[in-house]
Amino acid sequence: MEEDPAPRQSAATVQEDEMLCGEVAGQNKQQKILADLISGQKVLAEEMQKQQKLLMTHTDQQREVLNQQRDTLNQLLATLITRPRPTYCYQCGQDGHFVRDRPKPLLVST
């Protein structure tokens, strides 16, 4: 009795094996594509985090400038409120009235 060294496969079995190999190759290709996409998403996420940190730093700097400007404005307003107003006329220099309330108009020479 002689043994057949390699069992013979039918044409259908060969086709099924080729299809399975093609499916495995396709799955490997899909896994590679997915791995590349995930890697790209990680890089994008890291870049977005860097940009977010820069924006937060810039926002903090702008907030500090705004606070300084507000403090300066408050100091100026406090100065205006506490400064005594003059009680004399700017036009004639007399006490007791303002330009708008002058009892007699100034004569302007031409």
Protein backbone atom coordinates (compact mmCIF):
# COMPACT_ATOMS: atom_id res chain seq x y z
CA MET A 1 0.00 0.00 0.00
CA GLU A 2 1.24 3.35 -1.05
CA GLU A 3 0.36 6.50 0.80
CA ASP A 4 -0.35 9.72 -0.97
CA PRO A 5 2.27 12.21 0.30
CA ALA A 6 -0.02 15.25 0.02
CA PRO A 7 -3.75 14.87 0.31
CA ARG A 8 -5.49 16.31 -2.69
CA GLN A 9 -7.93 19.10 -2.18
CA SER A 10 -10.94 19.68 -4.27
CA ALA A 11 -11.21 22.86 -6.35
CA ALA A 12 -13.88 24.17 -3.95
CA THR A 13 -11.58 23.65 -0.97
CA VAL A 14 -8.74 25.50 -2.74
CA GLN A 15 -11.09 28.38 -3.53
CA GLU A 16 -12.26 28.54 0.09
CA ASP A 17 -8.65 28.57 1.30
CA GLU A 18 -7.81 31.41 -1.12
CA MET A 19 -10.86 33.35 0.04
CA LEU A 20 -9.84 32.85 3.67
CA CYS A 21 -6.31 34.05 2.89
CA GLY A 22 -7.78 37.09 1.12
CA GLU A 23 -10.04 37.81 4.09
CA VAL A 24 -7.11 37.53 6.51
CA ALA A 25 -5.04 39.83 4.30
CA GLY A 26 -7.97 42.27 4.13
CA GLN A 27 -8.38 42.16 7.90
CA ASN A 28 -4.67 42.80 8.37
CA LYS A 29 -4.91 45.77 6.00
CA GLN A 30 -7.94 47.11 7.90
CA GLN A 31 -6.11 46.69 11.21
CA LYS A 32 -3.15 48.62 9.79
CA ILE A 33 -5.46 51.42 8.60
CA LEU A 34 -7.18 51.54 11.99
CA ALA A 35 -3.83 51.63 13.79
CA ASP A 36 -2.71 54.52 11.54
CA LEU A 37 -5.98 56.39 12.21
CA ILE A 38 -5.66 55.91 15.96
CA SER A 39 -2.06 57.08 15.85
CA GLY A 40 -3.10 60.17 13.89
CA GLN A 41 -5.88 60.90 16.38
CA LYS A 42 -3.39 60.70 19.24
CA VAL A 43 -1.10 63.21 17.52
CA LEU A 44 -4.06 65.55 16.90
CA ALA A 45 -5.19 65.25 20.51
CA GLU A 46 -1.69 66.12 21.76
CA GLU A 47 -1.53 69.16 19.46
CA MET A 48 -4.95 70.30 20.63
CA GLN A 49 -3.84 70.02 24.25
CA LYS A 50 -0.78 72.16 23.48
CA GLN A 51 -2.96 74.77 21.79
CA GLN A 52 -5.38 74.72 24.71
CA LYS A 53 -2.53 75.37 27.16
CA LEU A 54 -1.29 78.27 25.02
CA LEU A 55 -4.79 79.73 24.88
CA MET A 56 -5.17 79.41 28.64
CA THR A 57 -1.84 81.17 29.15
CA HIS A 58 -2.86 83.94 26.76
CA THR A 59 -6.25 84.28 28.48
CA ASP A 60 -4.57 84.56 31.88
CA GLN A 61 -2.23 87.26 30.54
CA GLN A 62 -5.15 89.18 29.06
CA ARG A 63 -7.07 88.87 32.32
CA GLU A 64 -4.09 90.31 34.21
CA VAL A 65 -3.84 93.26 31.79
CA LEU A 66 -7.58 93.85 32.14
CA ASN A 67 -7.30 93.80 35.94
CA GLN A 68 -4.45 96.34 35.82
CA GLN A 69 -6.47 98.60 33.53
CA ARG A 70 -9.51 98.33 35.81
CA ASP A 71 -7.38 99.22 38.84
CA THR A 72 -5.94 102.25 37.03
CA LEU A 73 -9.43 103.37 35.99
CA ASN A 74 -10.71 102.98 39.55
CA GLN A 75 -7.81 105.09 40.84
CA LEU A 76 -8.54 107.81 38.29
CA LEU A 77 -12.23 107.79 39.16
CA ALA A 78 -11.43 108.00 42.86
CA THR A 79 -9.19 110.98 42.17
CA LEU A 80 -11.93 112.73 40.23
CA ILE A 81 -14.52 112.12 42.93
CA THR A 82 -12.35 113.32 45.81
CA ARG A 83 -10.80 116.34 44.06
CA PRO A 84 -12.46 119.58 45.14
CA ARG A 85 -14.24 121.43 42.38
CA PRO A 86 -13.29 125.05 41.87
CA THR A 87 -15.87 127.60 42.96
CA TYR A 88 -14.69 130.41 40.71
CA CYS A 89 -15.38 131.41 37.15
CA TYR A 90 -12.74 130.23 34.71
CA GLN A 91 -13.47 133.17 32.43
CA CYS A 92 -13.23 136.15 34.79
CA GLY A 93 -11.61 134.53 37.84
CA GLN A 94 -14.21 135.83 40.34
CA ASP A 95 -15.56 133.62 43.12
CA GLY A 96 -19.20 132.70 43.54
CA HIS A 97 -20.25 131.77 40.02
CA PHE A 98 -19.33 129.64 37.03
CA VAL A 99 -19.02 130.72 33.40
CA ARG A 100 -22.51 129.46 32.60
CA ASP A 101 -23.96 131.47 35.52
CA ARG A 102 -22.12 134.77 34.89
CA PRO A 103 -24.24 137.73 35.94
CA LYS A 104 -23.01 139.89 33.05
CA PRO A 105 -21.30 138.82 29.85
CA LEU A 106 -17.64 139.59 29.33
CA LEU A 107 -16.84 142.10 26.71
CA VAL A 108 -14.59 140.59 24.10
CA SER A 109 -12.41 143.08 22.25
CA THR A 110 -11.83 142.49 18.57
